[in-house]
Amino acid sequence: MGYAKKALDLAVQTDKVDEFVDQVKYFIENTKAELSEQQENLTSMHIGDPLRVQHKGRQPNKYKSCGESQRKKSKYIRDITNITNKNCKEVVESQVDKKRERHCKKCDQPGHYAPRCPNA
């Protein structure tokens, strides 16, 4: 931007403002013509959004190998305790779902994980 300001100041000092304006107009017209020629030569490419989004994990239509389990493991196990009452009848006291506890992979005890195993 400094060159344009200097050129305008010099044009004002030497009373050649009309010549300076003509040169600027000529430059603008030439650059517009060059840009229009370049745009005509370019082929427009429109890139849209992808048709399908690829999700993480196994695809739903993929066959499972024989090593993969057929059903998901249940996270809940049922606690069934049999108690005999006074009449010697067996009664199922509770069938309450309890969440299975996570356990250490190194010592197979619940309450901690492998990185913090005290037995290691």
PDB file of N, CA and C in Angstrom:
ATOM      1  N   MET A   1       0.831  -1.187   0.000  1.00  0.00           N
ATOM      2  CA  MET A   1       0.000   0.000   0.000  1.00  0.00           C
ATOM      3  C   MET A   1       0.873   1.247   0.000  1.00  0.00           C
ATOM      4  N   GLY A   2       2.098   1.159   0.438  1.00  0.00           N
ATOM      5  CA  GLY A   2       2.986   2.310   0.506  1.00  0.00           C
ATOM      6  C   GLY A   2       3.342   2.865  -0.864  1.00  0.00           C
ATOM      7  N   TYR A   3       3.509   1.965  -1.873  1.00  0.00           N
ATOM      8  CA  TYR A   3       3.866   2.422  -3.218  1.00  0.00           C
ATOM      9  C   TYR A   3       2.739   3.236  -3.841  1.00  0.00           C
ATOM     10  N   ALA A   4       1.509   2.826  -3.641  1.00  0.00           N
ATOM     11  CA  ALA A   4       0.374   3.554  -4.212  1.00  0.00           C
ATOM     12  C   ALA A   4       0.271   4.945  -3.597  1.00  0.00           C
ATOM     13  N   LYS A   5       0.506   5.054  -2.315  1.00  0.00           N
ATOM     14  CA  LYS A   5       0.427   6.355  -1.644  1.00  0.00           C
ATOM     15  C   LYS A   5       1.545   7.281  -2.122  1.00  0.00           C
ATOM     16  N   LYS A   6       2.759   6.726  -2.273  1.00  0.00           N
ATOM     17  CA  LYS A   6       3.877   7.534  -2.767  1.00  0.00           C
ATOM     18  C   LYS A   6       3.620   8.000  -4.195  1.00  0.00           C
ATOM     19  N   ALA A   7       3.091   7.083  -5.024  1.00  0.00           N
ATOM     20  CA  ALA A   7       2.815   7.448  -6.415  1.00  0.00           C
ATOM     21  C   ALA A   7       1.752   8.528  -6.489  1.00  0.00           C
ATOM     22  N   LEU A   8       0.724   8.443  -5.663  1.00  0.00           N
ATOM     23  CA  LEU A   8      -0.324   9.467  -5.649  1.00  0.00           C
ATOM     24  C   LEU A   8       0.226  10.810  -5.169  1.00  0.00           C
ATOM     25  N   ASP A   9       1.080  10.797  -4.146  1.00  0.00           N
ATOM     26  CA  ASP A   9       1.690  12.044  -3.668  1.00  0.00           C
ATOM     27  C   ASP A   9       2.546  12.693  -4.755  1.00  0.00           C
ATOM     28  N   LEU A  10       3.334  11.866  -5.459  1.00  0.00           N
ATOM     29  CA  LEU A  10       4.166  12.412  -6.540  1.00  0.00           C
ATOM     30  C   LEU A  10       3.311  12.937  -7.687  1.00  0.00           C
ATOM     31  N   ALA A  11       2.205  12.252  -7.992  1.00  0.00           N
ATOM     32  CA  ALA A  11       1.321  12.716  -9.065  1.00  0.00           C
ATOM     33  C   ALA A  11       0.672  14.041  -8.698  1.00  0.00           C
ATOM     34  N   VAL A  12       0.315  14.233  -7.443  1.00  0.00           N
ATOM     35  CA  VAL A  12      -0.285  15.499  -6.992  1.00  0.00           C
ATOM     36  C   VAL A  12       0.759  16.620  -7.038  1.00  0.00           C
ATOM     37  N   GLN A  13       2.004  16.326  -6.627  1.00  0.00           N
ATOM     38  CA  GLN A  13       3.051  17.351  -6.611  1.00  0.00           C
ATOM     39  C   GLN A  13       3.419  17.806  -8.023  1.00  0.00           C
ATOM     40  N   THR A  14       3.397  16.880  -8.992  1.00  0.00           N
ATOM     41  CA  THR A  14       3.793  17.220 -10.366  1.00  0.00           C
ATOM     42  C   THR A  14       2.602  17.521 -11.258  1.00  0.00           C
ATOM     43  N   ASP A  15       1.394  17.610 -10.703  1.00  0.00           N
ATOM     44  CA  ASP A  15       0.155  17.888 -11.455  1.00  0.00           C
ATOM     45  C   ASP A  15      -0.076  16.871 -12.577  1.00  0.00           C
ATOM     46  N   LYS A  16       0.192  15.583 -12.307  1.00  0.00           N
ATOM     47  CA  LYS A  16      -0.048  14.516 -13.285  1.00  0.00           C
ATOM     48  C   LYS A  16      -1.049  13.511 -12.722  1.00  0.00           C
ATOM     49  N   VAL A  17      -2.081  13.988 -12.050  1.00  0.00           N
ATOM     50  CA  VAL A  17      -3.081  13.126 -11.426  1.00  0.00           C
ATOM     51  C   VAL A  17      -3.872  12.379 -12.489  1.00  0.00           C
ATOM     52  N   ASP A  18      -4.259  13.066 -13.602  1.00  0.00           N
ATOM     53  CA  ASP A  18      -5.036  12.414 -14.665  1.00  0.00           C
ATOM     54  C   ASP A  18      -4.260  11.253 -15.283  1.00  0.00           C
ATOM     55  N   GLU A  19      -2.955  11.454 -15.514  1.00  0.00           N
ATOM     56  CA  GLU A  19      -2.129  10.391 -16.091  1.00  0.00           C
ATOM     57  C   GLU A  19      -2.028   9.203 -15.129  1.00  0.00           C
ATOM     58  N   PHE A  20      -1.892   9.489 -13.832  1.00  0.00           N
ATOM     59  CA  PHE A  20      -1.814   8.438 -12.817  1.00  0.00           C
ATOM     60  C   PHE A  20      -3.119   7.644 -12.767  1.00  0.00           C
ATOM     61  N   VAL A  21      -4.264   8.346 -12.807  1.00  0.00           N
ATOM     62  CA  VAL A  21      -5.563   7.680 -12.763  1.00  0.00           C
ATOM     63  C   VAL A  21      -5.747   6.816 -14.004  1.00  0.00           C
ATOM     64  N   ASP A  22      -5.318   7.298 -15.186  1.00  0.00           N
ATOM     65  CA  ASP A  22      -5.431   6.503 -16.417  1.00  0.00           C
ATOM     66  C   ASP A  22      -4.604   5.221 -16.320  1.00  0.00           C
ATOM     67  N   GLN A  23      -3.399   5.333 -15.767  1.00  0.00           N
ATOM     68  CA  GLN A  23      -2.549   4.144 -15.621  1.00  0.00           C
ATOM     69  C   GLN A  23      -3.169   3.131 -14.653  1.00  0.00           C
ATOM     70  N   VAL A  24      -3.780   3.608 -13.582  1.00  0.00           N
ATOM     71  CA  VAL A  24      -4.424   2.712 -12.617  1.00  0.00           C
ATOM     72  C   VAL A  24      -5.623   2.027 -13.263  1.00  0.00           C
ATOM     73  N   LYS A  25      -6.433   2.772 -14.041  1.00  0.00           N
ATOM     74  CA  LYS A  25      -7.583   2.179 -14.738  1.00  0.00           C
ATOM     75  C   LYS A  25      -7.124   1.118 -15.733  1.00  0.00           C
ATOM     76  N   TYR A  26      -6.048   1.416 -16.490  1.00  0.00           N
ATOM     77  CA  TYR A  26      -5.518   0.463 -17.468  1.00  0.00           C
ATOM     78  C   TYR A  26      -5.059  -0.822 -16.767  1.00  0.00           C
ATOM     79  N   PHE A  27      -4.380  -0.675 -15.625  1.00  0.00           N
ATOM     80  CA  PHE A  27      -3.920  -1.836 -14.861  1.00  0.00           C
ATOM     81  C   PHE A  27      -5.103  -2.673 -14.377  1.00  0.00           C
ATOM     82  N   ILE A  28      -6.150  -2.007 -13.878  1.00  0.00           N
ATOM     83  CA  ILE A  28      -7.327  -2.721 -13.371  1.00  0.00           C
ATOM     84  C   ILE A  28      -8.018  -3.479 -14.496  1.00  0.00           C
ATOM     85  N   GLU A  29      -8.187  -2.857 -15.666  1.00  0.00           N
ATOM     86  CA  GLU A  29      -8.849  -3.517 -16.799  1.00  0.00           C
ATOM     87  C   GLU A  29      -8.053  -4.727 -17.275  1.00  0.00           C
ATOM     88  N   ASN A  30      -6.725  -4.595 -17.349  1.00  0.00           N
ATOM     89  CA  ASN A  30      -5.888  -5.722 -17.795  1.00  0.00           C
ATOM     90  C   ASN A  30      -5.965  -6.900 -16.824  1.00  0.00           C
ATOM     91  N   THR A  31      -5.907  -6.629 -15.531  1.00  0.00           N
ATOM     92  CA  THR A  31      -5.956  -7.731 -14.562  1.00  0.00           C
ATOM     93  C   THR A  31      -7.325  -8.394 -14.547  1.00  0.00           C
ATOM     94  N   LYS A  32      -8.407  -7.621 -14.745  1.00  0.00           N
ATOM     95  CA  LYS A  32      -9.740  -8.228 -14.834  1.00  0.00           C
ATOM     96  C   LYS A  32      -9.844  -9.130 -16.051  1.00  0.00           C
ATOM     97  N   ALA A  33      -9.272  -8.710 -17.177  1.00  0.00           N
ATOM     98  CA  ALA A  33      -9.305  -9.523 -18.396  1.00  0.00           C
ATOM     99  C   ALA A  33      -8.528 -10.825 -18.197  1.00  0.00           C
ATOM    100  N   GLU A  34      -7.361 -10.736 -17.562  1.00  0.00           N
ATOM    101  CA  GLU A  34      -6.564 -11.941 -17.306  1.00  0.00           C
ATOM    102  C   GLU A  34      -7.304 -12.910 -16.388  1.00  0.00           C
ATOM    103  N   LEU A  35      -7.946 -12.374 -15.360  1.00  0.00           N
ATOM    104  CA  LEU A  35      -8.687 -13.240 -14.437  1.00  0.00           C
ATOM    105  C   LEU A  35      -9.862 -13.916 -15.123  1.00  0.00           C
ATOM    106  N   SER A  36     -10.565 -13.201 -15.985  1.00  0.00           N
ATOM    107  CA  SER A  36     -11.708 -13.812 -16.675  1.00  0.00           C
ATOM    108  C   SER A  36     -11.245 -14.909 -17.626  1.00  0.00           C
ATOM    109  N   GLU A  37     -10.080 -14.717 -18.291  1.00  0.00           N
ATOM    110  CA  GLU A  37      -9.540 -15.761 -19.171  1.00  0.00           C
ATOM    111  C   GLU A  37      -9.156 -17.004 -18.370  1.00  0.00           C
ATOM    112  N   GLN A  38      -8.566 -16.805 -17.202  1.00  0.00           N
ATOM    113  CA  GLN A  38      -8.174 -17.939 -16.369  1.00  0.00           C
ATOM    114  C   GLN A  38      -9.393 -18.701 -15.869  1.00  0.00           C
ATOM    115  N   GLN A  39     -10.463 -17.990 -15.539  1.00  0.00           N
ATOM    116  CA  GLN A  39     -11.666 -18.650 -15.037  1.00  0.00           C
ATOM    117  C   GLN A  39     -12.381 -19.411 -16.138  1.00  0.00           C
ATOM    118  N   GLU A  40     -12.292 -18.934 -17.390  1.00  0.00           N
ATOM    119  CA  GLU A  40     -12.914 -19.653 -18.504  1.00  0.00           C
ATOM    120  C   GLU A  40     -12.184 -20.960 -18.778  1.00  0.00           C
ATOM    121  N   ASN A  41     -10.864 -20.957 -18.608  1.00  0.00           N
ATOM    122  CA  ASN A  41     -10.066 -22.148 -18.888  1.00  0.00           C
ATOM    123  C   ASN A  41     -10.200 -23.213 -17.802  1.00  0.00           C
ATOM    124  N   LEU A  42     -10.535 -22.811 -16.596  1.00  0.00           N
ATOM    125  CA  LEU A  42     -10.664 -23.773 -15.502  1.00  0.00           C
ATOM    126  C   LEU A  42     -11.987 -24.517 -15.599  1.00  0.00           C
ATOM    127  N   THR A  43     -11.939 -25.800 -15.313  1.00  0.00           N
ATOM    128  CA  THR A  43     -13.177 -26.570 -15.220  1.00  0.00           C
ATOM    129  C   THR A  43     -13.621 -26.528 -13.769  1.00  0.00           C
ATOM    130  N   SER A  44     -14.866 -26.222 -13.576  1.00  0.00           N
ATOM    131  CA  SER A  44     -15.350 -26.110 -12.201  1.00  0.00           C
ATOM    132  C   SER A  44     -15.596 -27.499 -11.631  1.00  0.00           C
ATOM    133  N   MET A  45     -15.058 -27.722 -10.465  1.00  0.00           N
ATOM    134  CA  MET A  45     -15.246 -28.996  -9.784  1.00  0.00           C
ATOM    135  C   MET A  45     -16.022 -28.728  -8.512  1.00  0.00           C
ATOM    136  N   HIS A  46     -17.169 -29.357  -8.399  1.00  0.00           N
ATOM    137  CA  HIS A  46     -17.982 -29.209  -7.199  1.00  0.00           C
ATOM    138  C   HIS A  46     -17.822 -30.466  -6.367  1.00  0.00           C
ATOM    139  N   ILE A  47     -17.277 -30.308  -5.192  1.00  0.00           N
ATOM    140  CA  ILE A  47     -17.081 -31.444  -4.292  1.00  0.00           C
ATOM    141  C   ILE A  47     -18.112 -31.328  -3.190  1.00  0.00           C
ATOM    142  N   GLY A  48     -18.992 -32.307  -3.132  1.00  0.00           N
ATOM    143  CA  GLY A  48     -20.052 -32.294  -2.130  1.00  0.00           C
ATOM    144  C   GLY A  48     -19.713 -33.162  -0.944  1.00  0.00           C
ATOM    145  N   ASP A  49     -20.647 -33.274  -0.046  1.00  0.00           N
ATOM    146  CA  ASP A  49     -20.488 -34.124   1.123  1.00  0.00           C
ATOM    147  C   ASP A  49     -20.469 -35.589   0.692  1.00  0.00           C
ATOM    148  N   PRO A  50     -19.783 -36.452   1.414  1.00  0.00           N
ATOM    149  CA  PRO A  50     -19.798 -37.871   1.065  1.00  0.00           C
ATOM    150  C   PRO A  50     -21.191 -38.459   1.249  1.00  0.00           C
ATOM    151  N   LEU A  51     -21.505 -39.450   0.427  1.00  0.00           N
ATOM    152  CA  LEU A  51     -22.829 -40.044   0.483  1.00  0.00           C
ATOM    153  C   LEU A  51     -23.024 -40.874   1.739  1.00  0.00           C
ATOM    154  N   ARG A  52     -21.987 -41.574   2.181  1.00  0.00           N
ATOM    155  CA  ARG A  52     -22.094 -42.401   3.375  1.00  0.00           C
ATOM    156  C   ARG A  52     -20.991 -42.018   4.343  1.00  0.00           C
ATOM    157  N   VAL A  53     -21.294 -42.095   5.607  1.00  0.00           N
ATOM    158  CA  VAL A  53     -20.313 -41.835   6.652  1.00  0.00           C
ATOM    159  C   VAL A  53     -19.810 -43.178   7.147  1.00  0.00           C
ATOM    160  N   GLN A  54     -18.510 -43.323   7.244  1.00  0.00           N
ATOM    161  CA  GLN A  54     -17.943 -44.583   7.694  1.00  0.00           C
ATOM    162  C   GLN A  54     -17.826 -44.550   9.215  1.00  0.00           C
ATOM    163  N   HIS A  55     -18.535 -45.448   9.870  1.00  0.00           N
ATOM    164  CA  HIS A  55     -18.548 -45.501  11.323  1.00  0.00           C
ATOM    165  C   HIS A  55     -17.442 -46.412  11.824  1.00  0.00           C
ATOM    166  N   LYS A  56     -17.072 -46.221  13.066  1.00  0.00           N
ATOM    167  CA  LYS A  56     -16.057 -47.071  13.670  1.00  0.00           C
ATOM    168  C   LYS A  56     -16.658 -48.425  14.021  1.00  0.00           C
ATOM    169  N   GLY A  57     -15.817 -49.404  14.101  1.00  0.00           N
ATOM    170  CA  GLY A  57     -16.273 -50.718  14.541  1.00  0.00           C
ATOM    171  C   GLY A  57     -16.623 -51.644  13.390  1.00  0.00           C
ATOM    172  N   ARG A  58     -17.150 -52.805  13.740  1.00  0.00           N
ATOM    173  CA  ARG A  58     -17.498 -53.819  12.757  1.00  0.00           C
ATOM    174  C   ARG A  58     -18.723 -53.375  11.976  1.00  0.00           C
ATOM    175  N   GLN A  59     -18.696 -53.577  10.659  1.00  0.00           N
ATOM    176  CA  GLN A  59     -19.844 -53.226   9.841  1.00  0.00           C
ATOM    177  C   GLN A  59     -20.999 -54.158  10.170  1.00  0.00           C
ATOM    178  N   PRO A  60     -22.241 -53.666  10.093  1.00  0.00           N
ATOM    179  CA  PRO A  60     -23.377 -54.497  10.484  1.00  0.00           C
ATOM    180  C   PRO A  60     -23.605 -55.684   9.553  1.00  0.00           C
ATOM    181  N   ASN A  61     -23.177 -55.609   8.298  1.00  0.00           N
ATOM    182  CA  ASN A  61     -23.441 -56.708   7.373  1.00  0.00           C
ATOM    183  C   ASN A  61     -22.247 -57.653   7.237  1.00  0.00           C
ATOM    184  N   LYS A  62     -21.233 -57.486   8.053  1.00  0.00           N
ATOM    185  CA  LYS A  62     -20.055 -58.340   7.990  1.00  0.00           C
ATOM    186  C   LYS A  62     -20.327 -59.633   8.753  1.00  0.00           C
ATOM    187  N   TYR A  63     -19.891 -60.735   8.181  1.00  0.00           N
ATOM    188  CA  TYR A  63     -20.046 -62.016   8.867  1.00  0.00           C
ATOM    189  C   TYR A  63     -19.040 -62.106  10.003  1.00  0.00           C
ATOM    190  N   LYS A  64     -19.457 -62.695  11.093  1.00  0.00           N
ATOM    191  CA  LYS A  64     -18.551 -62.882  12.218  1.00  0.00           C
ATOM    192  C   LYS A  64     -17.730 -64.139  11.990  1.00  0.00           C
ATOM    193  N   SER A  65     -16.487 -64.096  12.415  1.00  0.00           N
ATOM    194  CA  SER A  65     -15.653 -65.279  12.294  1.00  0.00           C
ATOM    195  C   SER A  65     -16.019 -66.255  13.407  1.00  0.00           C
ATOM    196  N   CYS A  66     -15.502 -67.465  13.291  1.00  0.00           N
ATOM    197  CA  CYS A  66     -15.856 -68.472  14.282  1.00  0.00           C
ATOM    198  C   CYS A  66     -15.276 -68.132  15.655  1.00  0.00           C
ATOM    199  N   GLY A  67     -14.239 -67.299  15.696  1.00  0.00           N
ATOM    200  CA  GLY A  67     -13.637 -66.924  16.972  1.00  0.00           C
ATOM    201  C   GLY A  67     -14.450 -65.895  17.735  1.00  0.00           C
ATOM    202  N   GLU A  68     -15.273 -65.116  17.018  1.00  0.00           N
ATOM    203  CA  GLU A  68     -16.075 -64.092  17.688  1.00  0.00           C
ATOM    204  C   GLU A  68     -17.283 -64.733  18.348  1.00  0.00           C
ATOM    205  N   SER A  69     -17.655 -64.208  19.483  1.00  0.00           N
ATOM    206  CA  SER A  69     -18.802 -64.774  20.186  1.00  0.00           C
ATOM    207  C   SER A  69     -20.089 -64.388  19.473  1.00  0.00           C
ATOM    208  N   GLN A  70     -21.083 -65.250  19.552  1.00  0.00           N
ATOM    209  CA  GLN A  70     -22.344 -65.007  18.866  1.00  0.00           C
ATOM    210  C   GLN A  70     -23.211 -64.016  19.615  1.00  0.00           C
ATOM    211  N   ARG A  71     -23.123 -64.004  20.932  1.00  0.00           N
ATOM    212  CA  ARG A  71     -23.917 -63.078  21.739  1.00  0.00           C
ATOM    213  C   ARG A  71     -22.992 -62.253  22.611  1.00  0.00           C
ATOM    214  N   LYS A  72     -23.460 -61.101  23.000  1.00  0.00           N
ATOM    215  CA  LYS A  72     -22.680 -60.287  23.923  1.00  0.00           C
ATOM    216  C   LYS A  72     -22.735 -60.923  25.303  1.00  0.00           C
ATOM    217  N   LYS A  73     -21.655 -60.798  26.044  1.00  0.00           N
ATOM    218  CA  LYS A  73     -21.640 -61.318  27.409  1.00  0.00           C
ATOM    219  C   LYS A  73     -22.527 -60.430  28.262  1.00  0.00           C
ATOM    220  N   SER A  74     -23.286 -61.051  29.122  1.00  0.00           N
ATOM    221  CA  SER A  74     -24.172 -60.258  29.975  1.00  0.00           C
ATOM    222  C   SER A  74     -23.358 -59.623  31.088  1.00  0.00           C
ATOM    223  N   LYS A  75     -23.663 -58.377  31.383  1.00  0.00           N
ATOM    224  CA  LYS A  75     -22.951 -57.671  32.439  1.00  0.00           C
ATOM    225  C   LYS A  75     -23.573 -57.945  33.799  1.00  0.00           C
ATOM    226  N   TYR A  76     -24.727 -58.558  33.800  1.00  0.00           N
ATOM    227  CA  TYR A  76     -25.420 -58.820  35.053  1.00  0.00           C
ATOM    228  C   TYR A  76     -25.523 -60.325  35.266  1.00  0.00           C
ATOM    229  N   ILE A  77     -25.288 -60.765  36.494  1.00  0.00           N
ATOM    230  CA  ILE A  77     -25.496 -62.166  36.839  1.00  0.00           C
ATOM    231  C   ILE A  77     -26.535 -62.213  37.941  1.00  0.00           C
ATOM    232  N   ARG A  78     -27.325 -63.224  37.899  1.00  0.00           N
ATOM    233  CA  ARG A  78     -28.402 -63.335  38.886  1.00  0.00           C
ATOM    234  C   ARG A  78     -27.896 -64.042  40.131  1.00  0.00           C
ATOM    235  N   ASP A  79     -28.267 -63.498  41.258  1.00  0.00           N
ATOM    236  CA  ASP A  79     -27.894 -64.084  42.539  1.00  0.00           C
ATOM    237  C   ASP A  79     -29.116 -64.836  43.060  1.00  0.00           C
ATOM    238  N   ILE A  80     -29.055 -66.157  43.006  1.00  0.00           N
ATOM    239  CA  ILE A  80     -30.175 -66.983  43.462  1.00  0.00           C
ATOM    240  C   ILE A  80     -29.700 -67.760  44.682  1.00  0.00           C
ATOM    241  N   THR A  81     -30.351 -67.538  45.786  1.00  0.00           N
ATOM    242  CA  THR A  81     -29.992 -68.268  47.008  1.00  0.00           C
ATOM    243  C   THR A  81     -31.194 -69.073  47.463  1.00  0.00           C
ATOM    244  N   ASN A  82     -30.947 -70.316  47.741  1.00  0.00           N
ATOM    245  CA  ASN A  82     -32.011 -71.196  48.228  1.00  0.00           C
ATOM    246  C   ASN A  82     -31.945 -71.271  49.753  1.00  0.00           C
ATOM    247  N   ILE A  83     -33.070 -71.050  50.383  1.00  0.00           N
ATOM    248  CA  ILE A  83     -33.158 -71.115  51.848  1.00  0.00           C
ATOM    249  C   ILE A  83     -34.330 -72.023  52.206  1.00  0.00           C
ATOM    250  N   THR A  84     -34.105 -72.886  53.170  1.00  0.00           N
ATOM    251  CA  THR A  84     -35.202 -73.742  53.633  1.00  0.00           C
ATOM    252  C   THR A  84     -35.846 -73.087  54.838  1.00  0.00           C
ATOM    253  N   ASN A  85     -37.153 -73.034  54.825  1.00  0.00           N
ATOM    254  CA  ASN A  85     -37.855 -72.442  55.974  1.00  0.00           C
ATOM    255  C   ASN A  85     -38.243 -73.531  56.970  1.00  0.00           C
ATOM    256  N   LYS A  86     -39.035 -73.201  57.935  1.00  0.00           N
ATOM    257  CA  LYS A  86     -39.388 -74.136  59.008  1.00  0.00           C
ATOM    258  C   LYS A  86     -40.131 -75.354  58.491  1.00  0.00           C
ATOM    259  N   ASN A  87     -40.877 -75.209  57.429  1.00  0.00           N
ATOM    260  CA  ASN A  87     -41.645 -76.332  56.894  1.00  0.00           C
ATOM    261  C   ASN A  87     -40.823 -77.171  55.923  1.00  0.00           C
ATOM    262  N   CYS A  88     -39.501 -76.944  55.860  1.00  0.00           N
ATOM    263  CA  CYS A  88     -38.593 -77.691  54.986  1.00  0.00           C
ATOM    264  C   CYS A  88     -38.936 -77.502  53.513  1.00  0.00           C
ATOM    265  N   LYS A  89     -39.504 -76.368  53.197  1.00  0.00           N
ATOM    266  CA  LYS A  89     -39.771 -76.071  51.787  1.00  0.00           C
ATOM    267  C   LYS A  89     -38.649 -75.161  51.280  1.00  0.00           C
ATOM    268  N   GLU A  90     -38.201 -75.465  50.100  1.00  0.00           N
ATOM    269  CA  GLU A  90     -37.170 -74.611  49.518  1.00  0.00           C
ATOM    270  C   GLU A  90     -37.833 -73.399  48.876  1.00  0.00           C
ATOM    271  N   VAL A  91     -37.327 -72.273  49.208  1.00  0.00           N
ATOM    272  CA  VAL A  91     -37.879 -71.027  48.690  1.00  0.00           C
ATOM    273  C   VAL A  91     -36.735 -70.235  48.056  1.00  0.00           C
ATOM    274  N   VAL A  92     -37.014 -69.739  46.932  1.00  0.00           N
ATOM    275  CA  VAL A  92     -36.022 -68.882  46.284  1.00  0.00           C
ATOM    276  C   VAL A  92     -36.187 -67.498  46.882  1.00  0.00           C
ATOM    277  N   GLU A  93     -35.163 -67.081  47.635  1.00  0.00           N
ATOM    278  CA  GLU A  93     -35.291 -65.822  48.362  1.00  0.00           C
ATOM    279  C   GLU A  93     -35.232 -64.611  47.443  1.00  0.00           C
ATOM    280  N   SER A  94     -34.258 -64.556  46.612  1.00  0.00           N
ATOM    281  CA  SER A  94     -34.157 -63.356  45.778  1.00  0.00           C
ATOM    282  C   SER A  94     -33.559 -63.689  44.423  1.00  0.00           C
ATOM    283  N   GLN A  95     -34.035 -62.985  43.477  1.00  0.00           N
ATOM    284  CA  GLN A  95     -33.455 -63.059  42.139  1.00  0.00           C
ATOM    285  C   GLN A  95     -33.128 -61.627  41.710  1.00  0.00           C
ATOM    286  N   VAL A  96     -32.296 -61.011  42.480  1.00  0.00           N
ATOM    287  CA  VAL A  96     -31.947 -59.613  42.259  1.00  0.00           C
ATOM    288  C   VAL A  96     -30.753 -59.560  41.312  1.00  0.00           C
ATOM    289  N   ASP A  97     -30.845 -58.690  40.312  1.00  0.00           N
ATOM    290  CA  ASP A  97     -29.720 -58.515  39.389  1.00  0.00           C
ATOM    291  C   ASP A  97     -28.631 -57.711  40.075  1.00  0.00           C
ATOM    292  N   LYS A  98     -27.443 -58.258  40.097  1.00  0.00           N
ATOM    293  CA  LYS A  98     -26.299 -57.546  40.644  1.00  0.00           C
ATOM    294  C   LYS A  98     -25.305 -57.333  39.515  1.00  0.00           C
ATOM    295  N   LYS A  99     -24.670 -56.200  39.528  1.00  0.00           N
ATOM    296  CA  LYS A  99     -23.675 -55.920  38.505  1.00  0.00           C
ATOM    297  C   LYS A  99     -22.412 -56.719  38.805  1.00  0.00           C
ATOM    298  N   ARG A 100     -21.862 -57.345  37.779  1.00  0.00           N
ATOM    299  CA  ARG A 100     -20.666 -58.149  37.937  1.00  0.00           C
ATOM    300  C   ARG A 100     -19.481 -57.237  38.249  1.00  0.00           C
ATOM    301  N   GLU A 101     -18.692 -57.620  39.233  1.00  0.00           N
ATOM    302  CA  GLU A 101     -17.559 -56.803  39.640  1.00  0.00           C
ATOM    303  C   GLU A 101     -16.409 -56.997  38.669  1.00  0.00           C
ATOM    304  N   ARG A 102     -15.668 -55.933  38.447  1.00  0.00           N
ATOM    305  CA  ARG A 102     -14.459 -56.039  37.643  1.00  0.00           C
ATOM    306  C   ARG A 102     -13.336 -56.550  38.542  1.00  0.00           C
ATOM    307  N   HIS A 103     -12.399 -57.242  37.944  1.00  0.00           N
ATOM    308  CA  HIS A 103     -11.331 -57.803  38.756  1.00  0.00           C
ATOM    309  C   HIS A 103      -9.993 -57.637  38.048  1.00  0.00           C
ATOM    310  N   CYS A 104      -8.948 -57.866  38.811  1.00  0.00           N
ATOM    311  CA  CYS A 104      -7.583 -57.714  38.333  1.00  0.00           C
ATOM    312  C   CYS A 104      -7.254 -58.848  37.362  1.00  0.00           C
ATOM    313  N   LYS A 105      -6.555 -58.528  36.282  1.00  0.00           N
ATOM    314  CA  LYS A 105      -6.179 -59.550  35.304  1.00  0.00           C
ATOM    315  C   LYS A 105      -4.969 -60.367  35.764  1.00  0.00           C
ATOM    316  N   LYS A 106      -4.182 -59.823  36.686  1.00  0.00           N
ATOM    317  CA  LYS A 106      -2.982 -60.530  37.131  1.00  0.00           C
ATOM    318  C   LYS A 106      -3.276 -61.548  38.218  1.00  0.00           C
ATOM    319  N   CYS A 107      -4.067 -61.134  39.235  1.00  0.00           N
ATOM    320  CA  CYS A 107      -4.293 -62.036  40.365  1.00  0.00           C
ATOM    321  C   CYS A 107      -5.742 -62.510  40.469  1.00  0.00           C
ATOM    322  N   ASP A 108      -6.625 -62.061  39.599  1.00  0.00           N
ATOM    323  CA  ASP A 108      -8.032 -62.485  39.550  1.00  0.00           C
ATOM    324  C   ASP A 108      -8.798 -62.167  40.833  1.00  0.00           C
ATOM    325  N   GLN A 109      -8.474 -61.086  41.498  1.00  0.00           N
ATOM    326  CA  GLN A 109      -9.201 -60.687  42.699  1.00  0.00           C
ATOM    327  C   GLN A 109      -9.917 -59.369  42.432  1.00  0.00           C
ATOM    328  N   PRO A 110     -11.137 -59.219  42.966  1.00  0.00           N
ATOM    329  CA  PRO A 110     -11.845 -57.950  42.756  1.00  0.00           C
ATOM    330  C   PRO A 110     -11.305 -56.855  43.669  1.00  0.00           C
ATOM    331  N   GLY A 111     -11.593 -55.626  43.328  1.00  0.00           N
ATOM    332  CA  GLY A 111     -11.209 -54.517  44.193  1.00  0.00           C
ATOM    333  C   GLY A 111     -10.102 -53.647  43.640  1.00  0.00           C
ATOM    334  N   HIS A 112      -9.370 -54.127  42.646  1.00  0.00           N
ATOM    335  CA  HIS A 112      -8.328 -53.308  42.036  1.00  0.00           C
ATOM    336  C   HIS A 112      -8.114 -53.785  40.603  1.00  0.00           C
ATOM    337  N   TYR A 113      -7.328 -53.029  39.861  1.00  0.00           N
ATOM    338  CA  TYR A 113      -7.021 -53.354  38.474  1.00  0.00           C
ATOM    339  C   TYR A 113      -5.545 -53.732  38.353  1.00  0.00           C
ATOM    340  N   ALA A 114      -5.177 -54.251  37.187  1.00  0.00           N
ATOM    341  CA  ALA A 114      -3.827 -54.765  36.977  1.00  0.00           C
ATOM    342  C   ALA A 114      -2.728 -53.723  37.174  1.00  0.00           C
ATOM    343  N   PRO A 115      -2.888 -52.462  36.722  1.00  0.00           N
ATOM    344  CA  PRO A 115      -1.784 -51.513  36.936  1.00  0.00           C
ATOM    345  C   PRO A 115      -1.502 -51.228  38.408  1.00  0.00           C
ATOM    346  N   ARG A 116      -2.499 -51.366  39.280  1.00  0.00           N
ATOM    347  CA  ARG A 116      -2.320 -51.070  40.703  1.00  0.00           C
ATOM    348  C   ARG A 116      -2.365 -52.350  41.550  1.00  0.00           C
ATOM    349  N   CYS A 117      -1.994 -53.463  40.978  1.00  0.00           N
ATOM    350  CA  CYS A 117      -2.057 -54.740  41.685  1.00  0.00           C
ATOM    351  C   CYS A 117      -0.996 -54.775  42.788  1.00  0.00           C
ATOM    352  N   PRO A 118      -1.392 -55.041  44.045  1.00  0.00           N
ATOM    353  CA  PRO A 118      -0.409 -55.090  45.136  1.00  0.00           C
ATOM    354  C   PRO A 118       0.423 -56.366  45.096  1.00  0.00           C
ATOM    355  N   ASN A 119      -0.040 -57.411  44.407  1.00  0.00           N
ATOM    356  CA  ASN A 119       0.666 -58.694  44.380  1.00  0.00           C
ATOM    357  C   ASN A 119       1.749 -58.745  43.311  1.00  0.00           C
ATOM    358  N   ALA A 120       1.821 -57.737  42.469  1.00  0.00           N
ATOM    359  CA  ALA A 120       2.790 -57.772  41.367  1.00  0.00           C
ATOM    360  C   ALA A 120       4.150 -57.285  41.782  1.00  0.00           C
TER     361      ALA A 120
END
